[in-house]
C-alpha atoms as a PDB file:
ATOM      1  CA  MET A   1      -5.141  -5.846 -48.107  1.00  0.00           C
ATOM      2  CA  PRO A   2      -8.040  -3.396 -48.730  1.00  0.00           C
ATOM      3  CA  ARG A   3      -7.082   0.208 -49.413  1.00  0.00           C
ATOM      4  CA  ASN A   4      -6.588   2.253 -46.202  1.00  0.00           C
ATOM      5  CA  GLU A   5      -6.681  -0.946 -44.115  1.00  0.00           C
ATOM      6  CA  LYS A   6      -4.305  -0.573 -41.164  1.00  0.00           C
ATOM      7  CA  LYS A   7      -1.411  -3.022 -40.995  1.00  0.00           C
ATOM      8  CA  PHE A   8      -0.890  -4.398 -37.511  1.00  0.00           C
ATOM      9  CA  THR A   9       2.520  -5.060 -35.965  1.00  0.00           C
ATOM     10  CA  PRO A  10       3.405  -7.180 -32.903  1.00  0.00           C
ATOM     11  CA  GLY A  11       2.469  -5.651 -29.544  1.00  0.00           C
ATOM     12  CA  LYS A  12      -0.484  -3.969 -27.889  1.00  0.00           C
ATOM     13  CA  LEU A  13      -3.374  -2.579 -29.892  1.00  0.00           C
ATOM     14  CA  ASN A  14      -3.419   1.188 -30.378  1.00  0.00           C
ATOM     15  CA  HIS A  15      -5.321   2.802 -27.486  1.00  0.00           C
ATOM     16  CA  GLU A  16      -7.688   4.701 -29.777  1.00  0.00           C
ATOM     17  CA  PHE A  17      -8.684   1.578 -31.719  1.00  0.00           C
ATOM     18  CA  LEU A  18      -8.951  -0.515 -28.560  1.00  0.00           C
ATOM     19  CA  GLU A  19     -11.178   2.106 -26.928  1.00  0.00           C
ATOM     20  CA  LYS A  20     -13.579   1.886 -29.876  1.00  0.00           C
ATOM     21  CA  LEU A  21     -13.681  -1.897 -29.575  1.00  0.00           C
ATOM     22  CA  LEU A  22     -14.345  -1.782 -25.842  1.00  0.00           C
ATOM     23  CA  LEU A  23     -17.136   0.758 -26.176  1.00  0.00           C
ATOM     24  CA  LYS A  24     -18.756  -1.285 -28.931  1.00  0.00           C
ATOM     25  CA  HIS A  25     -18.280  -4.837 -27.710  1.00  0.00           C
ATOM     26  CA  ALA A  26     -17.360  -4.941 -24.011  1.00  0.00           C
ATOM     27  CA  SER A  27     -20.234  -3.298 -22.180  1.00  0.00           C
ATOM     28  CA  THR A  28     -20.619  -4.383 -18.547  1.00  0.00           C
ATOM     29  CA  SER A  29     -23.847  -2.481 -17.889  1.00  0.00           C
ATOM     30  CA  LYS A  30     -25.936  -5.670 -17.810  1.00  0.00           C
ATOM     31  CA  ASN A  31     -24.337  -6.979 -14.629  1.00  0.00           C
ATOM     32  CA  SER A  32     -24.228  -4.753 -11.570  1.00  0.00           C
ATOM     33  CA  ARG A  33     -21.725  -7.050  -9.821  1.00  0.00           C
ATOM     34  CA  VAL A  34     -18.985  -5.994 -12.244  1.00  0.00           C
ATOM     35  CA  ILE A  35     -17.199  -3.224 -10.350  1.00  0.00           C
ATOM     36  CA  MET A  36     -14.439  -2.818 -12.948  1.00  0.00           C
ATOM     37  CA  GLY A  37     -14.611  -4.308 -16.407  1.00  0.00           C
ATOM     38  CA  SER A  38     -12.706  -3.628 -19.618  1.00  0.00           C
ATOM     39  CA  LYS A  39     -11.055  -0.190 -19.628  1.00  0.00           C
ATOM     40  CA  ILE A  40      -7.860   1.329 -21.012  1.00  0.00           C
ATOM     41  CA  GLY A  41      -5.286   1.376 -18.221  1.00  0.00           C
ATOM     42  CA  GLU A  42      -7.118  -1.081 -15.970  1.00  0.00           C
ATOM     43  CA  ASP A  43      -5.360  -4.439 -16.090  1.00  0.00           C
ATOM     44  CA  ALA A  44      -7.671  -6.489 -13.861  1.00  0.00           C
ATOM     45  CA  ALA A  45     -11.421  -7.043 -13.588  1.00  0.00           C
ATOM     46  CA  VAL A  46     -13.164  -6.623 -10.230  1.00  0.00           C
ATOM     47  CA  ILE A  47     -16.316  -8.559  -9.346  1.00  0.00           C
ATOM     48  CA  ASP A  48     -18.494  -8.178  -6.252  1.00  0.00           C
ATOM     49  CA  MET A  49     -18.644 -11.516  -4.414  1.00  0.00           C
ATOM     50  CA  GLY A  50     -20.563 -10.267  -1.384  1.00  0.00           C
ATOM     51  CA  ASP A  51     -18.204  -9.657   1.521  1.00  0.00           C
ATOM     52  CA  LYS A  52     -15.129  -9.270  -0.722  1.00  0.00           C
ATOM     53  CA  TYR A  53     -14.151  -8.402  -4.279  1.00  0.00           C
ATOM     54  CA  LEU A  54     -12.812 -11.079  -6.622  1.00  0.00           C
ATOM     55  CA  VAL A  55     -10.014  -9.706  -8.834  1.00  0.00           C
ATOM     56  CA  SER A  56      -9.341 -11.457 -12.158  1.00  0.00           C
ATOM     57  CA  LYS A  57      -6.395 -11.072 -14.524  1.00  0.00           C
ATOM     58  CA  THR A  58      -5.128 -12.722 -17.704  1.00  0.00           C
ATOM     59  CA  ASP A  59      -1.891 -11.986 -19.556  1.00  0.00           C
ATOM     60  CA  PRO A  60       0.319 -13.828 -22.068  1.00  0.00           C
ATOM     61  CA  ILE A  61       4.079 -14.286 -22.235  1.00  0.00           C
ATOM     62  CA  THR A  62       5.177 -13.893 -25.855  1.00  0.00           C
ATOM     63  CA  PHE A  63       8.716 -12.423 -25.812  1.00  0.00           C
ATOM     64  CA  ALA A  64      10.463 -14.681 -23.283  1.00  0.00           C
ATOM     65  CA  THR A  65      11.152 -18.407 -23.620  1.00  0.00           C
ATOM     66  CA  GLU A  66      13.698 -19.167 -20.868  1.00  0.00           C
ATOM     67  CA  ARG A  67      11.957 -19.315 -17.436  1.00  0.00           C
ATOM     68  CA  ILE A  68       8.658 -18.645 -19.179  1.00  0.00           C
ATOM     69  CA  GLY A  69       6.704 -20.208 -16.296  1.00  0.00           C
ATOM     70  CA  TYR A  70       8.269 -17.797 -13.791  1.00  0.00           C
ATOM     71  CA  TYR A  71       7.475 -14.864 -16.057  1.00  0.00           C
ATOM     72  CA  SER A  72       3.876 -15.997 -16.536  1.00  0.00           C
ATOM     73  CA  VAL A  73       3.060 -16.241 -12.847  1.00  0.00           C
ATOM     74  CA  ASN A  74       4.780 -12.990 -11.867  1.00  0.00           C
ATOM     75  CA  ILE A  75       3.355 -10.888 -14.685  1.00  0.00           C
ATOM     76  CA  ASN A  76      -0.153 -11.848 -13.659  1.00  0.00           C
ATOM     77  CA  VAL A  77       0.612 -11.430  -9.955  1.00  0.00           C
ATOM     78  CA  ASN A  78       1.798  -7.871 -10.594  1.00  0.00           C
ATOM     79  CA  ASP A  79      -1.559  -6.766 -11.940  1.00  0.00           C
ATOM     80  CA  ILE A  80      -3.463  -8.465  -9.119  1.00  0.00           C
ATOM     81  CA  VAL A  81      -1.387  -6.839  -6.356  1.00  0.00           C
ATOM     82  CA  CYS A  82      -1.736  -3.433  -8.043  1.00  0.00           C
ATOM     83  CA  THR A  83      -5.387  -3.566  -6.949  1.00  0.00           C
ATOM     84  CA  GLY A  84      -4.393  -4.234  -3.339  1.00  0.00           C
ATOM     85  CA  ALA A  85      -5.562  -7.854  -3.696  1.00  0.00           C
ATOM     86  CA  ARG A  86      -3.754 -11.031  -2.662  1.00  0.00           C
ATOM     87  CA  PRO A  87      -3.169 -13.510  -5.523  1.00  0.00           C
ATOM     88  CA  LEU A  88      -4.635 -16.939  -4.800  1.00  0.00           C
ATOM     89  CA  TRP A  89      -5.541 -19.151  -7.792  1.00  0.00           C
ATOM     90  CA  PHE A  90      -3.588 -19.562 -11.045  1.00  0.00           C
ATOM     91  CA  GLN A  91      -4.284 -21.413 -14.261  1.00  0.00           C
ATOM     92  CA  SER A  92      -2.691 -21.255 -17.682  1.00  0.00           C
ATOM     93  CA  THR A  93      -2.989 -22.207 -21.324  1.00  0.00           C
ATOM     94  CA  ILE A  94       0.368 -23.519 -22.528  1.00  0.00           C
ATOM     95  CA  LEU A  95       0.907 -23.543 -26.299  1.00  0.00           C
ATOM     96  CA  LEU A  96       3.974 -25.457 -27.469  1.00  0.00           C
ATOM     97  CA  PRO A  97       5.770 -25.420 -30.836  1.00  0.00           C
ATOM     98  CA  GLU A  98       5.331 -28.605 -32.865  1.00  0.00           C
ATOM     99  CA  LYS A  99       8.979 -28.860 -33.924  1.00  0.00           C
ATOM    100  CA  THR A 100      10.720 -28.338 -30.582  1.00  0.00           C
ATOM    101  CA  ALA A 101       8.260 -29.612 -27.952  1.00  0.00           C
ATOM    102  CA  SER A 102       9.732 -32.347 -25.767  1.00  0.00           C
ATOM    103  CA  GLU A 103       8.905 -34.074 -22.504  1.00  0.00           C
ATOM    104  CA  GLU A 104      11.815 -32.218 -20.891  1.00  0.00           C
ATOM    105  CA  LEU A 105      10.574 -28.806 -22.084  1.00  0.00           C
ATOM    106  CA  ILE A 106       6.997 -29.460 -21.008  1.00  0.00           C
ATOM    107  CA  GLU A 107       7.969 -30.718 -17.563  1.00  0.00           C
ATOM    108  CA  SER A 108      10.337 -27.768 -17.055  1.00  0.00           C
ATOM    109  CA  ILE A 109       7.479 -25.331 -17.733  1.00  0.00           C
ATOM    110  CA  PHE A 110       5.108 -27.199 -15.411  1.00  0.00           C
ATOM    111  CA  LYS A 111       7.762 -27.220 -12.668  1.00  0.00           C
ATOM    112  CA  ASP A 112       8.560 -23.537 -13.161  1.00  0.00           C
ATOM    113  CA  ILE A 113       4.893 -22.589 -12.759  1.00  0.00           C
ATOM    114  CA  SER A 114       4.378 -24.919  -9.794  1.00  0.00           C
ATOM    115  CA  ASP A 115       7.497 -23.811  -7.911  1.00  0.00           C
ATOM    116  CA  THR A 116       6.801 -20.104  -8.492  1.00  0.00           C
ATOM    117  CA  CYS A 117       3.194 -20.397  -7.331  1.00  0.00           C
ATOM    118  CA  TYR A 118       4.205 -22.410  -4.259  1.00  0.00           C
ATOM    119  CA  GLN A 119       6.732 -19.767  -3.222  1.00  0.00           C
ATOM    120  CA  MET A 120       4.041 -17.068  -3.497  1.00  0.00           C
ATOM    121  CA  GLY A 121       1.279 -18.962  -1.711  1.00  0.00           C
ATOM    122  CA  ILE A 122      -0.754 -19.433  -4.902  1.00  0.00           C
ATOM    123  CA  SER A 123      -2.644 -22.609  -5.826  1.00  0.00           C
ATOM    124  CA  VAL A 124      -2.435 -23.956  -9.388  1.00  0.00           C
ATOM    125  CA  VAL A 125      -6.062 -24.873 -10.105  1.00  0.00           C
ATOM    126  CA  GLY A 126      -6.050 -25.969 -13.745  1.00  0.00           C
ATOM    127  CA  GLY A 127      -5.382 -25.003 -17.333  1.00  0.00           C
ATOM    128  CA  HIS A 128      -4.777 -26.455 -20.760  1.00  0.00           C
ATOM    129  CA  THR A 129      -1.666 -27.656 -22.627  1.00  0.00           C
ATOM    130  CA  GLU A 130      -1.315 -28.434 -26.323  1.00  0.00           C
ATOM    131  CA  ILE A 131       1.102 -28.721 -29.222  1.00  0.00           C
ATOM    132  CA  THR A 132       0.158 -25.895 -31.578  1.00  0.00           C
ATOM    133  CA  ALA A 133       0.976 -25.740 -35.278  1.00  0.00           C
ATOM    134  CA  GLY A 134       2.709 -22.618 -36.579  1.00  0.00           C
ATOM    135  CA  LEU A 135       4.541 -21.584 -33.409  1.00  0.00           C
ATOM    136  CA  ASP A 136       8.301 -21.086 -33.263  1.00  0.00           C
ATOM    137  CA  ARG A 137       8.459 -20.779 -29.444  1.00  0.00           C
ATOM    138  CA  PRO A 138       6.309 -21.592 -26.390  1.00  0.00           C
ATOM    139  CA  ILE A 139       3.542 -19.180 -25.413  1.00  0.00           C
ATOM    140  CA  ILE A 140       1.762 -19.163 -22.050  1.00  0.00           C
ATOM    141  CA  VAL A 141      -1.491 -17.328 -21.393  1.00  0.00           C
ATOM    142  CA  GLY A 142      -1.823 -17.076 -17.619  1.00  0.00           C
ATOM    143  CA  SER A 143      -4.969 -16.353 -15.640  1.00  0.00           C
ATOM    144  CA  LEU A 144      -4.979 -15.410 -11.965  1.00  0.00           C
ATOM    145  CA  LEU A 145      -7.668 -14.771  -9.360  1.00  0.00           C
ATOM    146  CA  GLY A 146      -7.269 -12.908  -6.094  1.00  0.00           C
ATOM    147  CA  GLU A 147      -9.344 -11.368  -3.340  1.00  0.00           C
ATOM    148  CA  VAL A 148      -9.400  -7.966  -1.693  1.00  0.00           C
ATOM    149  CA  GLU A 149     -11.425  -6.411   1.109  1.00  0.00           C
ATOM    150  CA  LYS A 150     -13.833  -3.911  -0.399  1.00  0.00           C
ATOM    151  CA  GLU A 151     -12.415  -0.938   1.476  1.00  0.00           C
ATOM    152  CA  SER A 152      -8.875  -1.827   0.342  1.00  0.00           C
ATOM    153  CA  LEU A 153      -9.448  -1.892  -3.434  1.00  0.00           C
ATOM    154  CA  VAL A 154      -7.014   0.228  -5.490  1.00  0.00           C
ATOM    155  CA  LEU A 155      -7.572   0.979  -9.182  1.00  0.00           C
ATOM    156  CA  SER A 156      -5.284   2.351 -11.893  1.00  0.00           C
ATOM    157  CA  SER A 157      -8.006   4.917 -12.594  1.00  0.00           C
ATOM    158  CA  GLY A 158      -7.937   6.475  -9.120  1.00  0.00           C
ATOM    159  CA  ALA A 159      -5.231   9.121  -9.631  1.00  0.00           C
ATOM    160  CA  LYS A 160      -6.324  12.706  -8.955  1.00  0.00           C
ATOM    161  CA  PRO A 161      -4.911  16.081  -9.997  1.00  0.00           C
ATOM    162  CA  GLY A 162      -2.279  17.067  -7.459  1.00  0.00           C
ATOM    163  CA  ASP A 163      -1.281  13.492  -6.626  1.00  0.00           C
ATOM    164  CA  ALA A 164       2.417  12.687  -6.713  1.00  0.00           C
ATOM    165  CA  LEU A 165       3.593   9.958  -9.085  1.00  0.00           C
ATOM    166  CA  VAL A 166       6.225   7.647  -7.581  1.00  0.00           C
ATOM    167  CA  LEU A 167       8.306   5.078  -9.471  1.00  0.00           C
ATOM    168  CA  THR A 168       9.933   2.120  -7.734  1.00  0.00           C
ATOM    169  CA  LYS A 169      13.269   0.475  -8.666  1.00  0.00           C
ATOM    170  CA  GLY A 170      13.783   1.905 -12.159  1.00  0.00           C
ATOM    171  CA  VAL A 171      12.859   1.113 -15.755  1.00  0.00           C
ATOM    172  CA  PHE A 172      13.546  -1.539 -18.406  1.00  0.00           C
ATOM    173  CA  ILE A 173      13.927  -4.285 -15.785  1.00  0.00           C
ATOM    174  CA  GLU A 174      12.032  -7.106 -17.480  1.00  0.00           C
ATOM    175  CA  GLY A 175      13.374  -6.128 -20.892  1.00  0.00           C
ATOM    176  CA  THR A 176      16.955  -6.392 -19.627  1.00  0.00           C
ATOM    177  CA  SER A 177      16.420  -9.983 -18.504  1.00  0.00           C
ATOM    178  CA  ILE A 178      14.592 -10.955 -21.696  1.00  0.00           C
ATOM    179  CA  ILE A 179      17.317  -9.531 -23.948  1.00  0.00           C
ATOM    180  CA  ALA A 180      20.129 -11.244 -22.016  1.00  0.00           C
ATOM    181  CA  ARG A 181      18.312 -14.591 -22.005  1.00  0.00           C
ATOM    182  CA  GLU A 182      17.191 -14.461 -25.645  1.00  0.00           C
ATOM    183  CA  LYS A 183      20.176 -12.624 -27.169  1.00  0.00           C
ATOM    184  CA  GLY A 184      23.026 -13.667 -24.870  1.00  0.00           C
ATOM    185  CA  ALA A 185      25.028 -15.272 -27.678  1.00  0.00           C
ATOM    186  CA  TYR A 186      24.758 -12.111 -29.795  1.00  0.00           C
ATOM    187  CA  LEU A 187      25.864  -9.913 -26.884  1.00  0.00           C
ATOM    188  CA  LYS A 188      28.959 -12.064 -26.356  1.00  0.00           C
ATOM    189  CA  LYS A 189      29.658 -12.064 -30.099  1.00  0.00           C
ATOM    190  CA  ILE A 190      29.835  -8.247 -30.146  1.00  0.00           C
ATOM    191  CA  GLY A 191      32.181  -8.171 -27.167  1.00  0.00           C
ATOM    192  CA  CYS A 192      30.038  -8.082 -24.026  1.00  0.00           C
ATOM    193  CA  THR A 193      31.545 -10.017 -21.155  1.00  0.00           C
ATOM    194  CA  GLU A 194      30.071 -13.170 -19.637  1.00  0.00           C
ATOM    195  CA  GLU A 195      29.757 -11.262 -16.357  1.00  0.00           C
ATOM    196  CA  PHE A 196      27.687  -8.509 -17.997  1.00  0.00           C
ATOM    197  CA  VAL A 197      25.329 -10.969 -19.724  1.00  0.00           C
ATOM    198  CA  GLU A 198      24.823 -12.952 -16.517  1.00  0.00           C
ATOM    199  CA  LYS A 199      24.110  -9.803 -14.534  1.00  0.00           C
ATOM    200  CA  CYS A 200      21.494  -8.778 -17.095  1.00  0.00           C
ATOM    201  CA  LYS A 201      19.907 -12.227 -16.900  1.00  0.00           C
ATOM    202  CA  GLU A 202      19.738 -11.873 -13.128  1.00  0.00           C
ATOM    203  CA  TYR A 203      17.484  -8.811 -13.499  1.00  0.00           C
ATOM    204  CA  LEU A 204      14.680 -11.376 -13.573  1.00  0.00           C
ATOM    205  CA  PHE A 205      15.269 -11.786  -9.820  1.00  0.00           C
ATOM    206  CA  ASN A 206      17.369  -8.762  -8.816  1.00  0.00           C
ATOM    207  CA  PRO A 207      15.994  -6.108  -8.863  1.00  0.00           C
ATOM    208  CA  GLY A 208      13.330  -8.526 -10.115  1.00  0.00           C
ATOM    209  CA  ILE A 209      10.194  -8.375 -12.247  1.00  0.00           C
ATOM    210  CA  SER A 210       7.854  -8.817  -9.269  1.00  0.00           C
ATOM    211  CA  VAL A 211       6.209  -5.792  -7.632  1.00  0.00           C
ATOM    212  CA  ALA A 212       4.275  -7.898  -5.107  1.00  0.00           C
ATOM    213  CA  LYS A 213       6.328  -6.831  -2.084  1.00  0.00           C
ATOM    214  CA  GLU A 214       6.111  -3.088  -2.675  1.00  0.00           C
ATOM    215  CA  ALA A 215       2.505  -3.082  -3.878  1.00  0.00           C
ATOM    216  CA  LEU A 216       1.259  -4.967  -0.822  1.00  0.00           C
ATOM    217  CA  LEU A 217       3.442  -2.898   1.514  1.00  0.00           C
ATOM    218  CA  VAL A 218       2.130   0.468   0.332  1.00  0.00           C
ATOM    219  CA  SER A 219      -1.495  -0.616  -0.105  1.00  0.00           C
ATOM    220  CA  THR A 220      -1.486  -1.986   3.455  1.00  0.00           C
ATOM    221  CA  ASN A 221       0.197   1.009   5.080  1.00  0.00           C
ATOM    222  CA  TYR A 222      -0.954   4.032   3.047  1.00  0.00           C
ATOM    223  CA  SER A 223      -4.018   5.488   1.387  1.00  0.00           C
ATOM    224  CA  ILE A 224      -3.048   4.941  -2.243  1.00  0.00           C
ATOM    225  CA  SER A 225      -4.933   6.686  -5.053  1.00  0.00           C
ATOM    226  CA  ALA A 226      -3.801   4.343  -7.841  1.00  0.00           C
ATOM    227  CA  MET A 227      -1.158   1.808  -8.834  1.00  0.00           C
ATOM    228  CA  HIS A 228      -0.088   0.529 -12.241  1.00  0.00           C
ATOM    229  CA  ASP A 229       2.443  -1.990 -13.563  1.00  0.00           C
ATOM    230  CA  PRO A 230       4.081  -0.724 -16.782  1.00  0.00           C
ATOM    231  CA  THR A 231       4.611  -3.672 -19.114  1.00  0.00           C
ATOM    232  CA  GLU A 232       4.626  -3.532 -22.937  1.00  0.00           C
ATOM    233  CA  GLY A 233       5.360  -0.025 -24.125  1.00  0.00           C
ATOM    234  CA  GLY A 234       7.407   0.586 -20.996  1.00  0.00           C
ATOM    235  CA  LEU A 235       7.239   3.426 -18.503  1.00  0.00           C
ATOM    236  CA  MET A 236       5.884   6.093 -20.854  1.00  0.00           C
ATOM    237  CA  CYS A 237       3.022   3.895 -22.030  1.00  0.00           C
ATOM    238  CA  GLY A 238       2.270   2.913 -18.429  1.00  0.00           C
ATOM    239  CA  ILE A 239       2.106   6.554 -17.330  1.00  0.00           C
ATOM    240  CA  ALA A 240      -0.161   7.408 -20.272  1.00  0.00           C
ATOM    241  CA  GLU A 241      -2.464   4.479 -19.453  1.00  0.00           C
ATOM    242  CA  MET A 242      -2.699   5.593 -15.837  1.00  0.00           C
ATOM    243  CA  ALA A 243      -3.550   9.185 -16.795  1.00  0.00           C
ATOM    244  CA  LEU A 244      -6.043   8.117 -19.472  1.00  0.00           C
ATOM    245  CA  ALA A 245      -7.768   5.743 -17.062  1.00  0.00           C
ATOM    246  CA  SER A 246      -7.914   8.457 -14.369  1.00  0.00           C
ATOM    247  CA  ASN A 247      -9.039  11.178 -16.800  1.00  0.00           C
ATOM    248  CA  THR A 248      -6.150  13.437 -15.775  1.00  0.00           C
ATOM    249  CA  GLY A 249      -3.083  15.082 -17.198  1.00  0.00           C
ATOM    250  CA  VAL A 250       0.438  14.426 -15.932  1.00  0.00           C
ATOM    251  CA  GLU A 251       3.827  16.124 -15.888  1.00  0.00           C
ATOM    252  CA  ILE A 252       6.958  13.959 -15.589  1.00  0.00           C
ATOM    253  CA  GLU A 253      10.575  14.941 -14.861  1.00  0.00           C
ATOM    254  CA  ALA A 254      12.872  12.945 -17.133  1.00  0.00           C
ATOM    255  CA  ALA A 255      15.860  13.557 -14.841  1.00  0.00           C
ATOM    256  CA  LYS A 256      14.099  11.712 -12.008  1.00  0.00           C
ATOM    257  CA  ILE A 257      13.651   8.464 -13.966  1.00  0.00           C
ATOM    258  CA  ASN A 258      16.112   5.832 -12.781  1.00  0.00           C
ATOM    259  CA  VAL A 259      17.790   3.927 -15.622  1.00  0.00           C
ATOM    260  CA  LEU A 260      20.155   1.377 -14.121  1.00  0.00           C
ATOM    261  CA  PRO A 261      23.627   0.796 -15.677  1.00  0.00           C
ATOM    262  CA  GLU A 262      22.902  -2.511 -17.470  1.00  0.00           C
ATOM    263  CA  PRO A 263      19.620  -1.338 -19.055  1.00  0.00           C
ATOM    264  CA  LEU A 264      21.370   1.856 -20.140  1.00  0.00           C
ATOM    265  CA  GLU A 265      24.145  -0.141 -21.831  1.00  0.00           C
ATOM    266  CA  LEU A 266      21.650  -2.418 -23.607  1.00  0.00           C
ATOM    267  CA  SER A 267      19.668   0.586 -24.810  1.00  0.00           C
ATOM    268  CA  LYS A 268      22.829   1.922 -26.481  1.00  0.00           C
ATOM    269  CA  ILE A 269      23.721  -1.441 -28.043  1.00  0.00           C
ATOM    270  CA  PHE A 270      20.280  -1.986 -29.580  1.00  0.00           C
ATOM    271  CA  GLU A 271      19.392   1.711 -30.075  1.00  0.00           C
ATOM    272  CA  ILE A 272      16.204   1.499 -28.031  1.00  0.00           C
ATOM    273  CA  ASP A 273      14.635   3.917 -25.570  1.00  0.00           C
ATOM    274  CA  PRO A 274      14.712   2.432 -22.047  1.00  0.00           C
ATOM    275  CA  LYS A 275      11.643   4.474 -21.095  1.00  0.00           C
ATOM    276  CA  ASN A 276       9.613   2.733 -23.817  1.00  0.00           C
ATOM    277  CA  THR A 277      10.805  -0.829 -23.216  1.00  0.00           C
ATOM    278  CA  ILE A 278       8.913  -3.545 -21.343  1.00  0.00           C
ATOM    279  CA  SER A 279       9.312  -2.726 -17.674  1.00  0.00           C
ATOM    280  CA  SER A 280       7.680  -5.237 -15.339  1.00  0.00           C
ATOM    281  CA  GLY A 281       9.402  -4.842 -11.998  1.00  0.00           C
ATOM    282  CA  SER A 282       8.659  -1.115 -11.954  1.00  0.00           C
ATOM    283  CA  LEU A 283       5.630   0.083  -9.987  1.00  0.00           C
ATOM    284  CA  LEU A 284       3.837   3.376 -10.555  1.00  0.00           C
ATOM    285  CA  ILE A 285       2.098   4.728  -7.445  1.00  0.00           C
ATOM    286  CA  ALA A 286      -0.225   7.726  -7.235  1.00  0.00           C
ATOM    287  CA  ILE A 287      -0.489   9.128  -3.710  1.00  0.00           C
ATOM    288  CA  LYS A 288      -1.423  12.443  -2.149  1.00  0.00           C
ATOM    289  CA  GLU A 289       1.505  14.852  -2.458  1.00  0.00           C
ATOM    290  CA  GLU A 290       1.717  15.361   1.306  1.00  0.00           C
ATOM    291  CA  ASP A 291       2.133  11.612   1.895  1.00  0.00           C
ATOM    292  CA  SER A 292       4.618  10.896  -0.877  1.00  0.00           C
ATOM    293  CA  GLU A 293       7.862  11.718   0.938  1.00  0.00           C
ATOM    294  CA  GLU A 294       6.969   9.548   3.931  1.00  0.00           C
ATOM    295  CA  MET A 295       5.994   6.646   1.655  1.00  0.00           C
ATOM    296  CA  ILE A 296       9.279   6.909  -0.282  1.00  0.00           C
ATOM    297  CA  LYS A 297      11.232   6.778   2.994  1.00  0.00           C
ATOM    298  CA  PHE A 298       9.159   3.748   4.040  1.00  0.00           C
ATOM    299  CA  LEU A 299       9.980   1.958   0.788  1.00  0.00           C
ATOM    300  CA  LEU A 300      13.684   2.779   1.091  1.00  0.00           C
ATOM    301  CA  LYS A 301      13.623   1.420   4.664  1.00  0.00           C
ATOM    302  CA  ASN A 302      12.274  -1.811   3.173  1.00  0.00           C
ATOM    303  CA  LYS A 303      15.136  -1.878   0.632  1.00  0.00           C
ATOM    304  CA  ILE A 304      13.001  -0.768  -2.319  1.00  0.00           C
ATOM    305  CA  ASN A 305      14.337   2.174  -4.300  1.00  0.00           C
ATOM    306  CA  ALA A 306      11.676   4.794  -5.010  1.00  0.00           C
ATOM    307  CA  GLU A 307      11.580   8.289  -6.493  1.00  0.00           C
ATOM    308  CA  LYS A 308       8.904  10.881  -7.139  1.00  0.00           C
ATOM    309  CA  ILE A 309       9.013  11.395 -10.912  1.00  0.00           C
ATOM    310  CA  GLY A 310       6.062  13.695 -11.483  1.00  0.00           C
ATOM    311  CA  VAL A 311       2.623  14.930 -10.570  1.00  0.00           C
ATOM    312  CA  PHE A 312      -0.877  14.407 -11.948  1.00  0.00           C
ATOM    313  CA  SER A 313      -2.674  17.496 -13.244  1.00  0.00           C
ATOM    314  CA  ASN A 314      -5.987  18.485 -14.785  1.00  0.00           C
ATOM    315  CA  LYS A 315      -6.832  16.662 -18.000  1.00  0.00           C
ATOM    316  CA  LYS A 316      -6.733  19.908 -20.019  1.00  0.00           C
ATOM    317  CA  ASN A 317      -3.003  20.182 -19.307  1.00  0.00           C
ATOM    318  CA  GLY A 318      -2.371  16.954 -21.235  1.00  0.00           C
ATOM    319  CA  LEU A 319       0.554  14.559 -20.930  1.00  0.00           C
ATOM    320  CA  LYS A 320       3.827  16.440 -20.493  1.00  0.00           C
ATOM    321  CA  ILE A 321       7.448  15.713 -19.651  1.00  0.00           C
ATOM    322  CA  LYS A 322      10.245  18.040 -18.560  1.00  0.00           C
ATOM    323  CA  ASP A 323      13.215  16.888 -20.617  1.00  0.00           C
ATOM    324  CA  GLU A 324      16.859  16.734 -19.509  1.00  0.00           C
ATOM    325  CA  GLN A 325      17.329  20.372 -20.606  1.00  0.00           C
ATOM    326  CA  GLY A 326      14.399  21.528 -18.445  1.00  0.00           C
ATOM    327  CA  LYS A 327      12.062  22.115 -21.394  1.00  0.00           C
ATOM    328  CA  ILE A 328       8.461  20.974 -20.992  1.00  0.00           C
ATOM    329  CA  VAL A 329       7.359  19.009 -24.067  1.00  0.00           C
ATOM    330  CA  PRO A 330       4.540  16.565 -24.888  1.00  0.00           C
ATOM    331  CA  LEU A 331       5.017  13.105 -23.397  1.00  0.00           C
ATOM    332  CA  GLU A 332       5.374  10.761 -26.340  1.00  0.00           C
ATOM    333  CA  TYR A 333       4.591   7.092 -25.996  1.00  0.00           C
ATOM    334  CA  SER A 334       3.808   4.076 -28.124  1.00  0.00           C
ATOM    335  CA  GLU A 335       1.839   0.906 -27.483  1.00  0.00           C
ATOM    336  CA  LYS A 336       4.480  -0.916 -29.545  1.00  0.00           C
ATOM    337  CA  ASP A 337       7.361  -1.963 -27.330  1.00  0.00           C
ATOM    338  CA  GLU A 338      10.937  -1.029 -28.208  1.00  0.00           C
ATOM    339  CA  ILE A 339      12.084  -4.587 -27.452  1.00  0.00           C
ATOM    340  CA  SER A 340      10.635  -5.736 -30.784  1.00  0.00           C
ATOM    341  CA  LYS A 341      13.659  -4.076 -32.450  1.00  0.00           C
ATOM    342  CA  VAL A 342      16.037  -6.390 -30.592  1.00  0.00           C
ATOM    343  CA  PHE A 343      14.869  -9.511 -32.427  1.00  0.00           C
ATOM    344  CA  ASN A 344      16.179  -8.066 -35.689  1.00  0.00           C
ATOM    345  CA  PHE A 345      19.740  -8.573 -34.397  1.00  0.00           C
ATOM    346  CA  SER A 346      21.431 -11.941 -34.862  1.00  0.00           C
END
């Protein structure tokens, strides 16, 4: 490795490096129909199709193996619905490990994708499947298209100073399911009960990694400034991405962040921070302060837990968090997800 060459580790690219790449290589200025292209914090592209906007998203599943088809569809759906769009057409590239690929495995993935799409009113329109040398587990790269009325488009970059920041459900939802499904045997070996492991696995469905219900509910019934789905890097990274995209600052109250009992227990076992662990199933919503309380009540009425966890501020104020002791300190985040530590345990 050349001197001073950065060594990369699994996970998202560093925001600063990625920003340089996007500015240098991902210009959208040549096509006026591109309403939203590549940008830190924006997880879907938006293209003008005349009477409506086409919303396009692609995302891989690299941590999970069990129910990987379900994960793939829902992770892509989350980013589509965060724009206010309805997901419609899905395709995927399925890469399978040479040593463990079987007809049973392949059909189970196809069925998982098909069943999940059918339940969500999405059409599977194509893709690609292959046996790939060098893999030790399946990987799916999903791609999803949706549509939204022009006046209903919501972007991650729409938050404004003074807006309230609302979090639904809690944090570390997806990570809890992944850990239980990938490290269930280890958890039982160290003394966790079968009931605990099964409950953690069930986080995939309850509270669930999908934010489709809440995103479509609030975007249909309220004037939303911005929405964002915190995935790799967890809640803190998601908040930072939202603020960076919106060119604002933010101040979060740590005491308001809901960490459910099972995620809290797993964070102690594996010595990881639940606020920095993959968190699909959580939805971040920016809304005018005066509308936030009513929206939270509306979500609770629809059986979706929600809590105001902070407020957006001017960019000069930076990213801040009020810790459990009431002290305001810089909000620290990392693009590298805490869940990567879990795979060191066996």
